[in-house]
N, C-alpha and C. Protein backbone atom coordinates (compact mmCIF):
# COMPACT_ATOMS: atom_id res chain seq x y z
N UNK A 1 0.81 -1.19 0.00
CA UNK A 1 0.00 0.00 0.00
C UNK A 1 0.86 1.26 0.00
N UNK A 2 2.15 1.10 0.28
CA UNK A 2 3.04 2.27 0.33
C UNK A 2 3.41 2.79 -1.05
N UNK A 3 3.45 1.92 -2.04
CA UNK A 3 3.95 2.30 -3.35
C UNK A 3 2.80 2.45 -4.35
N UNK A 4 2.73 3.60 -4.96
CA UNK A 4 1.75 3.88 -6.02
C UNK A 4 0.30 3.68 -5.55
N UNK A 5 0.07 3.75 -4.28
CA UNK A 5 -1.29 3.64 -3.76
C UNK A 5 -1.79 2.23 -3.57
N UNK A 6 -0.97 1.24 -3.84
CA UNK A 6 -1.39 -0.15 -3.64
C UNK A 6 -2.33 -0.64 -4.73
N UNK A 7 -2.94 -1.78 -4.50
CA UNK A 7 -3.87 -2.39 -5.44
C UNK A 7 -5.24 -1.76 -5.23
N UNK A 8 -5.87 -1.34 -6.32
CA UNK A 8 -7.22 -0.79 -6.21
C UNK A 8 -8.13 -1.87 -5.61
N UNK A 9 -8.76 -1.55 -4.51
CA UNK A 9 -9.60 -2.52 -3.82
C UNK A 9 -8.86 -3.33 -2.77
N UNK A 10 -7.56 -3.06 -2.57
CA UNK A 10 -6.77 -3.75 -1.56
C UNK A 10 -6.09 -5.01 -2.10
N UNK A 11 -5.15 -5.52 -1.32
CA UNK A 11 -4.33 -6.67 -1.72
C UNK A 11 -5.19 -7.88 -2.07
N UNK A 12 -6.28 -8.08 -1.38
CA UNK A 12 -7.13 -9.24 -1.65
C UNK A 12 -7.82 -9.15 -3.00
N UNK A 13 -7.81 -7.97 -3.62
CA UNK A 13 -8.41 -7.78 -4.94
C UNK A 13 -7.39 -7.95 -6.06
N UNK A 14 -6.14 -8.30 -5.72
CA UNK A 14 -5.10 -8.51 -6.73
C UNK A 14 -5.37 -9.78 -7.52
N UNK A 15 -5.30 -9.70 -8.83
CA UNK A 15 -5.43 -10.88 -9.70
C UNK A 15 -4.04 -11.36 -10.11
N UNK A 16 -3.25 -10.47 -10.69
CA UNK A 16 -1.91 -10.84 -11.14
C UNK A 16 -1.08 -9.59 -11.37
N UNK A 17 0.21 -9.84 -11.60
CA UNK A 17 1.17 -8.78 -11.85
C UNK A 17 2.04 -9.20 -13.02
N UNK A 18 2.32 -8.26 -13.90
CA UNK A 18 3.38 -8.46 -14.90
C UNK A 18 4.55 -7.62 -14.38
N UNK A 19 5.57 -8.28 -13.82
CA UNK A 19 6.58 -7.54 -13.06
C UNK A 19 7.60 -6.78 -13.88
N UNK A 20 7.84 -7.17 -15.12
CA UNK A 20 8.94 -6.56 -15.85
C UNK A 20 8.54 -5.87 -17.13
N UNK A 21 7.36 -5.32 -17.18
CA UNK A 21 6.88 -4.71 -18.41
C UNK A 21 6.14 -5.73 -19.24
N UNK A 22 5.57 -5.27 -20.33
CA UNK A 22 4.64 -6.10 -21.10
C UNK A 22 5.26 -7.36 -21.70
N UNK A 23 6.56 -7.42 -21.79
CA UNK A 23 7.19 -8.57 -22.45
C UNK A 23 7.60 -9.68 -21.49
N UNK A 24 7.13 -9.63 -20.26
CA UNK A 24 7.48 -10.70 -19.31
C UNK A 24 6.23 -11.46 -18.89
N UNK A 25 6.39 -12.72 -18.51
CA UNK A 25 5.22 -13.51 -18.09
C UNK A 25 4.59 -12.96 -16.81
N UNK A 26 3.28 -13.03 -16.76
CA UNK A 26 2.56 -12.60 -15.55
C UNK A 26 2.71 -13.62 -14.45
N UNK A 27 2.49 -13.17 -13.23
CA UNK A 27 2.44 -14.07 -12.08
C UNK A 27 1.16 -13.76 -11.29
N UNK A 28 0.47 -14.80 -10.85
CA UNK A 28 -0.78 -14.58 -10.11
C UNK A 28 -0.51 -14.15 -8.67
N UNK A 29 -1.55 -13.73 -8.00
CA UNK A 29 -1.45 -13.29 -6.61
C UNK A 29 -0.80 -14.36 -5.73
N UNK A 30 -1.11 -15.62 -5.97
CA UNK A 30 -0.55 -16.70 -5.14
C UNK A 30 0.98 -16.71 -5.19
N UNK A 31 1.55 -16.34 -6.32
CA UNK A 31 3.01 -16.24 -6.43
C UNK A 31 3.49 -14.93 -5.82
N UNK A 32 2.75 -13.86 -6.06
CA UNK A 32 3.12 -12.54 -5.52
C UNK A 32 3.20 -12.54 -4.01
N UNK A 33 2.40 -13.37 -3.36
CA UNK A 33 2.40 -13.42 -1.90
C UNK A 33 3.77 -13.76 -1.34
N UNK A 34 4.57 -14.53 -2.08
CA UNK A 34 5.83 -15.03 -1.54
C UNK A 34 7.08 -14.62 -2.31
N UNK A 35 6.95 -14.18 -3.55
CA UNK A 35 8.14 -13.93 -4.36
C UNK A 35 8.83 -12.63 -3.95
N UNK A 36 10.15 -12.67 -3.95
CA UNK A 36 10.95 -11.48 -3.74
C UNK A 36 11.08 -10.79 -5.09
N UNK A 37 10.71 -9.54 -5.16
CA UNK A 37 10.71 -8.82 -6.44
C UNK A 37 12.11 -8.35 -6.79
N UNK A 38 13.01 -9.30 -7.02
CA UNK A 38 14.34 -8.99 -7.52
C UNK A 38 14.64 -9.94 -8.68
N UNK A 39 15.77 -9.76 -9.33
CA UNK A 39 16.08 -10.55 -10.53
C UNK A 39 16.01 -12.05 -10.27
N UNK A 40 16.68 -12.52 -9.23
CA UNK A 40 16.73 -13.96 -8.97
C UNK A 40 15.38 -14.51 -8.53
N UNK A 41 14.68 -13.79 -7.69
CA UNK A 41 13.39 -14.25 -7.21
C UNK A 41 12.38 -14.38 -8.33
N UNK A 42 12.38 -13.44 -9.25
CA UNK A 42 11.43 -13.48 -10.35
C UNK A 42 11.79 -14.55 -11.38
N UNK A 43 13.06 -14.77 -11.61
CA UNK A 43 13.47 -15.86 -12.51
C UNK A 43 13.03 -17.20 -11.93
N UNK A 44 13.17 -17.37 -10.63
CA UNK A 44 12.72 -18.60 -9.97
C UNK A 44 11.21 -18.78 -10.09
N UNK A 45 10.48 -17.67 -10.25
CA UNK A 45 9.01 -17.71 -10.40
C UNK A 45 8.60 -17.75 -11.87
N UNK A 46 9.55 -18.02 -12.76
CA UNK A 46 9.32 -18.15 -14.20
C UNK A 46 8.82 -16.85 -14.85
N UNK A 47 9.39 -15.74 -14.39
CA UNK A 47 9.15 -14.45 -15.02
C UNK A 47 10.45 -13.67 -14.94
N UNK A 48 10.40 -12.36 -15.08
CA UNK A 48 11.62 -11.57 -15.06
C UNK A 48 11.32 -10.15 -14.61
N UNK A 49 12.37 -9.47 -14.14
CA UNK A 49 12.23 -8.09 -13.73
C UNK A 49 12.22 -7.17 -14.95
N UNK A 50 12.87 -7.59 -16.03
CA UNK A 50 12.84 -6.83 -17.28
C UNK A 50 13.09 -5.36 -17.07
N UNK A 51 12.19 -4.53 -17.53
CA UNK A 51 12.31 -3.08 -17.38
C UNK A 51 11.77 -2.59 -16.05
N UNK A 52 11.21 -3.50 -15.27
CA UNK A 52 10.59 -3.18 -13.97
C UNK A 52 9.39 -2.24 -14.13
N UNK A 53 8.80 -2.23 -15.31
CA UNK A 53 7.58 -1.44 -15.54
C UNK A 53 6.39 -2.29 -15.10
N UNK A 54 6.14 -2.27 -13.83
CA UNK A 54 5.15 -3.13 -13.19
C UNK A 54 3.74 -2.86 -13.72
N UNK A 55 3.05 -3.93 -14.13
CA UNK A 55 1.65 -3.85 -14.54
C UNK A 55 0.85 -4.66 -13.54
N UNK A 56 -0.09 -4.02 -12.89
CA UNK A 56 -0.89 -4.66 -11.84
C UNK A 56 -2.32 -4.79 -12.35
N UNK A 57 -2.87 -5.99 -12.24
CA UNK A 57 -4.26 -6.22 -12.62
C UNK A 57 -5.04 -6.68 -11.41
N UNK A 58 -6.15 -6.01 -11.15
CA UNK A 58 -7.01 -6.46 -10.07
C UNK A 58 -8.08 -7.39 -10.64
N UNK A 59 -8.96 -7.85 -9.79
CA UNK A 59 -9.95 -8.85 -10.21
C UNK A 59 -11.00 -8.29 -11.17
N UNK A 60 -11.02 -6.98 -11.37
CA UNK A 60 -11.92 -6.38 -12.36
C UNK A 60 -11.39 -6.56 -13.78
N UNK A 61 -10.10 -6.84 -13.92
CA UNK A 61 -9.48 -6.96 -15.25
C UNK A 61 -9.84 -8.30 -15.89
N UNK A 62 -10.08 -8.27 -17.17
CA UNK A 62 -10.23 -9.50 -17.96
C UNK A 62 -8.83 -9.87 -18.43
N UNK A 63 -8.19 -10.77 -17.69
CA UNK A 63 -6.78 -11.09 -17.94
C UNK A 63 -6.58 -11.64 -19.35
N UNK A 64 -7.54 -12.37 -19.88
CA UNK A 64 -7.42 -12.90 -21.24
C UNK A 64 -7.41 -11.74 -22.24
N UNK A 65 -8.31 -10.80 -22.07
CA UNK A 65 -8.37 -9.62 -22.94
C UNK A 65 -7.10 -8.78 -22.80
N UNK A 66 -6.59 -8.64 -21.60
CA UNK A 66 -5.36 -7.86 -21.39
C UNK A 66 -4.18 -8.47 -22.13
N UNK A 67 -4.03 -9.78 -22.04
CA UNK A 67 -2.92 -10.44 -22.73
C UNK A 67 -3.15 -10.40 -24.24
N UNK A 68 -4.38 -10.49 -24.69
CA UNK A 68 -4.66 -10.35 -26.12
C UNK A 68 -4.25 -8.97 -26.60
N UNK A 69 -4.48 -7.95 -25.80
CA UNK A 69 -4.10 -6.60 -26.19
C UNK A 69 -2.59 -6.49 -26.34
N UNK A 70 -1.85 -7.13 -25.44
CA UNK A 70 -0.39 -7.15 -25.57
C UNK A 70 0.01 -7.91 -26.83
N UNK A 71 -0.69 -8.99 -27.11
CA UNK A 71 -0.42 -9.77 -28.32
C UNK A 71 -0.63 -8.92 -29.57
N UNK A 72 -1.68 -8.13 -29.59
CA UNK A 72 -1.95 -7.24 -30.73
C UNK A 72 -0.84 -6.20 -30.88
N UNK A 73 -0.35 -5.70 -29.76
CA UNK A 73 0.75 -4.74 -29.79
C UNK A 73 1.99 -5.35 -30.44
N UNK A 74 2.37 -6.55 -30.00
CA UNK A 74 3.57 -7.18 -30.56
C UNK A 74 3.38 -7.56 -32.02
N UNK A 75 2.19 -7.95 -32.41
CA UNK A 75 1.91 -8.21 -33.82
C UNK A 75 2.15 -6.94 -34.62
N UNK A 76 1.67 -5.83 -34.13
CA UNK A 76 1.83 -4.55 -34.83
C UNK A 76 3.29 -4.13 -34.89
N UNK A 77 4.03 -4.40 -33.84
CA UNK A 77 5.42 -3.96 -33.76
C UNK A 77 6.40 -4.86 -34.51
N UNK A 78 5.99 -6.05 -34.87
CA UNK A 78 6.88 -6.94 -35.61
C UNK A 78 7.27 -6.30 -36.94
N UNK A 79 8.57 -6.28 -37.22
CA UNK A 79 9.02 -5.70 -38.48
C UNK A 79 8.73 -6.62 -39.66
N UNK A 80 8.51 -7.90 -39.37
CA UNK A 80 8.19 -8.85 -40.42
C UNK A 80 9.40 -9.49 -41.08
N UNK A 81 10.59 -9.16 -40.62
CA UNK A 81 11.80 -9.69 -41.26
C UNK A 81 11.94 -11.20 -41.09
N UNK A 82 11.69 -11.70 -39.88
CA UNK A 82 11.85 -13.14 -39.68
C UNK A 82 10.48 -13.82 -39.59
N UNK A 83 10.40 -14.95 -40.22
CA UNK A 83 9.14 -15.67 -40.36
C UNK A 83 8.52 -16.07 -39.02
N UNK A 84 9.29 -16.61 -38.06
CA UNK A 84 8.64 -17.01 -36.79
C UNK A 84 7.91 -15.84 -36.11
N UNK A 85 8.51 -14.68 -36.14
CA UNK A 85 7.89 -13.52 -35.49
C UNK A 85 6.72 -13.00 -36.33
N UNK A 86 6.95 -12.80 -37.62
CA UNK A 86 5.90 -12.27 -38.50
C UNK A 86 4.65 -13.15 -38.47
N UNK A 87 4.83 -14.43 -38.68
CA UNK A 87 3.69 -15.35 -38.72
C UNK A 87 3.20 -15.71 -37.32
N UNK A 88 4.15 -15.93 -36.40
CA UNK A 88 3.79 -16.35 -35.05
C UNK A 88 3.02 -15.28 -34.29
N UNK A 89 3.46 -14.04 -34.38
CA UNK A 89 2.75 -12.95 -33.68
C UNK A 89 1.34 -12.80 -34.24
N UNK A 90 1.20 -12.92 -35.55
CA UNK A 90 -0.12 -12.82 -36.16
C UNK A 90 -1.03 -13.96 -35.69
N UNK A 91 -0.50 -15.18 -35.71
CA UNK A 91 -1.32 -16.33 -35.30
C UNK A 91 -1.63 -16.31 -33.81
N UNK A 92 -0.65 -15.92 -32.98
CA UNK A 92 -0.94 -15.84 -31.54
C UNK A 92 -2.04 -14.81 -31.29
N UNK A 93 -1.97 -13.68 -31.98
CA UNK A 93 -3.01 -12.66 -31.79
C UNK A 93 -4.37 -13.17 -32.26
N UNK A 94 -4.42 -13.84 -33.41
CA UNK A 94 -5.70 -14.38 -33.89
C UNK A 94 -6.28 -15.39 -32.90
N UNK A 95 -5.42 -16.24 -32.35
CA UNK A 95 -5.89 -17.24 -31.39
C UNK A 95 -6.35 -16.57 -30.09
N UNK A 96 -5.64 -15.54 -29.66
CA UNK A 96 -6.04 -14.83 -28.45
C UNK A 96 -7.38 -14.12 -28.66
N UNK A 97 -7.60 -13.56 -29.83
CA UNK A 97 -8.89 -12.92 -30.13
C UNK A 97 -10.00 -13.96 -30.03
N UNK A 98 -9.77 -15.14 -30.58
CA UNK A 98 -10.77 -16.21 -30.49
C UNK A 98 -11.07 -16.57 -29.04
N UNK A 99 -10.03 -16.56 -28.20
CA UNK A 99 -10.24 -16.89 -26.79
C UNK A 99 -10.99 -15.77 -26.07
N UNK A 100 -10.67 -14.54 -26.38
CA UNK A 100 -11.39 -13.41 -25.78
C UNK A 100 -12.87 -13.49 -26.15
N UNK A 101 -13.13 -13.76 -27.42
CA UNK A 101 -14.51 -13.79 -27.92
C UNK A 101 -15.26 -15.07 -27.56
N UNK A 102 -14.54 -16.06 -27.03
CA UNK A 102 -15.17 -17.33 -26.68
C UNK A 102 -15.42 -18.22 -27.87
N UNK A 103 -14.70 -17.99 -28.96
CA UNK A 103 -14.88 -18.76 -30.19
C UNK A 103 -13.83 -19.85 -30.37
N UNK A 104 -13.01 -20.08 -29.37
CA UNK A 104 -11.97 -21.10 -29.46
C UNK A 104 -12.43 -22.37 -28.74
N UNK A 105 -11.80 -23.46 -29.06
CA UNK A 105 -12.02 -24.74 -28.38
C UNK A 105 -10.95 -24.88 -27.30
N UNK A 106 -11.25 -25.55 -26.19
CA UNK A 106 -10.24 -25.74 -25.14
C UNK A 106 -8.93 -26.35 -25.67
N UNK A 107 -9.01 -27.20 -26.68
CA UNK A 107 -7.79 -27.82 -27.24
C UNK A 107 -6.86 -26.78 -27.87
N UNK A 108 -7.39 -25.62 -28.21
CA UNK A 108 -6.57 -24.57 -28.82
C UNK A 108 -5.60 -23.94 -27.84
N UNK A 109 -5.82 -24.16 -26.55
CA UNK A 109 -4.87 -23.65 -25.55
C UNK A 109 -3.51 -24.28 -25.79
N UNK A 110 -3.47 -25.59 -26.02
CA UNK A 110 -2.20 -26.26 -26.30
C UNK A 110 -1.59 -25.80 -27.62
N UNK A 111 -2.43 -25.54 -28.61
CA UNK A 111 -1.92 -25.02 -29.89
C UNK A 111 -1.28 -23.65 -29.71
N UNK A 112 -1.91 -22.82 -28.88
CA UNK A 112 -1.36 -21.49 -28.61
C UNK A 112 -0.03 -21.61 -27.88
N UNK A 113 0.06 -22.53 -26.92
CA UNK A 113 1.32 -22.76 -26.20
C UNK A 113 2.41 -23.18 -27.19
N UNK A 114 2.10 -24.13 -28.05
CA UNK A 114 3.09 -24.60 -29.03
C UNK A 114 3.49 -23.48 -29.99
N UNK A 115 2.55 -22.66 -30.40
CA UNK A 115 2.86 -21.54 -31.27
C UNK A 115 3.84 -20.59 -30.58
N UNK A 116 3.58 -20.30 -29.32
CA UNK A 116 4.47 -19.40 -28.58
C UNK A 116 5.86 -19.98 -28.46
N UNK A 117 5.96 -21.31 -28.32
CA UNK A 117 7.27 -21.95 -28.22
C UNK A 117 8.02 -21.94 -29.56
N UNK A 118 7.27 -21.90 -30.67
CA UNK A 118 7.91 -21.81 -31.99
C UNK A 118 8.44 -20.41 -32.27
N UNK A 119 7.88 -19.42 -31.59
CA UNK A 119 8.35 -18.04 -31.73
C UNK A 119 9.52 -17.78 -30.78
N UNK A 120 9.35 -18.18 -29.52
CA UNK A 120 10.36 -17.94 -28.50
C UNK A 120 11.71 -18.54 -28.91
N UNK A 121 12.73 -17.69 -28.90
CA UNK A 121 14.08 -18.16 -29.18
C UNK A 121 14.38 -18.42 -30.65
N UNK A 122 13.45 -18.11 -31.54
CA UNK A 122 13.66 -18.40 -32.97
C UNK A 122 13.61 -17.16 -33.84
N UNK A 123 13.86 -16.00 -33.23
CA UNK A 123 13.78 -14.75 -33.98
C UNK A 123 15.12 -14.01 -33.92
N UNK A 124 15.29 -13.07 -34.83
CA UNK A 124 16.53 -12.30 -34.90
C UNK A 124 16.68 -11.41 -33.68
N UNK A 125 15.61 -10.76 -33.27
CA UNK A 125 15.67 -9.87 -32.11
C UNK A 125 14.80 -10.44 -30.99
N UNK A 126 14.70 -9.70 -29.92
CA UNK A 126 13.97 -10.18 -28.74
C UNK A 126 12.47 -9.93 -28.80
N UNK A 127 11.96 -9.32 -29.87
CA UNK A 127 10.53 -9.03 -29.93
C UNK A 127 9.72 -10.33 -29.91
N UNK A 128 10.19 -11.35 -30.56
CA UNK A 128 9.46 -12.62 -30.56
C UNK A 128 9.33 -13.20 -29.17
N UNK A 129 10.41 -13.14 -28.37
CA UNK A 129 10.34 -13.61 -26.99
C UNK A 129 9.34 -12.77 -26.20
N UNK A 130 9.39 -11.46 -26.41
CA UNK A 130 8.48 -10.56 -25.72
C UNK A 130 7.03 -10.80 -26.09
N UNK A 131 6.78 -11.26 -27.29
CA UNK A 131 5.41 -11.57 -27.71
C UNK A 131 4.96 -12.90 -27.13
N UNK A 132 5.88 -13.85 -27.01
CA UNK A 132 5.52 -15.20 -26.55
C UNK A 132 5.33 -15.28 -25.04
N UNK A 133 6.13 -14.57 -24.27
CA UNK A 133 6.13 -14.75 -22.83
C UNK A 133 4.84 -14.34 -22.13
N UNK A 134 4.18 -13.23 -22.49
CA UNK A 134 2.90 -12.94 -21.83
C UNK A 134 1.86 -14.04 -22.07
N UNK A 135 1.83 -14.57 -23.28
CA UNK A 135 0.90 -15.66 -23.62
C UNK A 135 1.24 -16.90 -22.79
N UNK A 136 2.52 -17.21 -22.67
CA UNK A 136 2.93 -18.37 -21.88
C UNK A 136 2.57 -18.20 -20.41
N UNK A 137 2.75 -16.98 -19.88
CA UNK A 137 2.38 -16.73 -18.49
C UNK A 137 0.89 -16.92 -18.25
N UNK A 138 0.08 -16.45 -19.21
CA UNK A 138 -1.37 -16.63 -19.11
C UNK A 138 -1.73 -18.10 -19.05
N UNK A 139 -1.17 -18.88 -19.96
CA UNK A 139 -1.49 -20.32 -20.00
C UNK A 139 -0.95 -21.04 -18.76
N UNK A 140 0.25 -20.70 -18.36
CA UNK A 140 0.87 -21.36 -17.20
C UNK A 140 0.04 -21.14 -15.93
N UNK A 141 -0.45 -19.93 -15.73
CA UNK A 141 -1.10 -19.62 -14.45
C UNK A 141 -2.62 -19.52 -14.50
N UNK A 142 -3.19 -19.37 -15.69
CA UNK A 142 -4.63 -19.19 -15.79
C UNK A 142 -5.28 -20.20 -16.73
N UNK A 143 -4.64 -21.34 -16.92
CA UNK A 143 -5.22 -22.37 -17.78
C UNK A 143 -6.61 -22.80 -17.34
N UNK A 144 -6.84 -23.06 -16.04
CA UNK A 144 -8.20 -23.42 -15.64
C UNK A 144 -9.22 -22.33 -15.98
N UNK A 145 -8.84 -21.09 -15.84
CA UNK A 145 -9.72 -19.98 -16.20
C UNK A 145 -10.01 -20.00 -17.70
N UNK A 146 -8.98 -20.23 -18.51
CA UNK A 146 -9.17 -20.31 -19.97
C UNK A 146 -10.09 -21.48 -20.32
N UNK A 147 -9.84 -22.64 -19.74
CA UNK A 147 -10.66 -23.82 -20.03
C UNK A 147 -12.12 -23.58 -19.67
N UNK A 148 -12.33 -22.99 -18.51
CA UNK A 148 -13.69 -22.72 -18.07
C UNK A 148 -14.37 -21.70 -18.98
N UNK A 149 -13.64 -20.68 -19.36
CA UNK A 149 -14.17 -19.65 -20.25
C UNK A 149 -14.57 -20.24 -21.60
N UNK A 150 -13.72 -21.11 -22.14
CA UNK A 150 -13.98 -21.68 -23.45
C UNK A 150 -15.07 -22.75 -23.39
N UNK A 151 -15.18 -23.46 -22.29
CA UNK A 151 -16.23 -24.47 -22.18
C UNK A 151 -17.61 -23.82 -22.04
N UNK A 152 -17.67 -22.65 -21.45
CA UNK A 152 -18.93 -21.90 -21.31
C UNK A 152 -19.46 -21.45 -22.66
N UNK A 153 -18.53 -21.12 -23.56
CA UNK A 153 -18.95 -20.56 -24.86
C UNK A 153 -19.40 -21.65 -25.84
N UNK A 154 -18.94 -22.89 -25.61
CA UNK A 154 -19.24 -23.97 -26.56
C UNK A 154 -20.51 -24.60 -26.30
């Protein structure tokens, strides 16, 4: 509560945090309760301090929509020079849009994960990693939420 006014609605209203700017994987409140917000602590929690541009989402946020918005940003920012980034960012964004709209099948979660892994580490610059990691964080920590959301729509 000392920094930046705390979480809107209090700590119990925290959903997740993206600790290192938009290009790092999110961590849910359950991880935030115990993780030390330093380089080593965040790497151990499968995320990173990155630019330290902290993004905080409370329970009012639609985390799927938020990550889709980041996906759209990285799709737009891709220069298109390397195929994994050009095609992968486009496909990840299309799949995320389907998940936001409830038009995806639960099996597409694994396809999205595999797509992100084909982009991560296979590009000339770090933009591909930055596009893949938010999607991976969403799937890693909010898979049950995604499955439930997609099963409701079908």
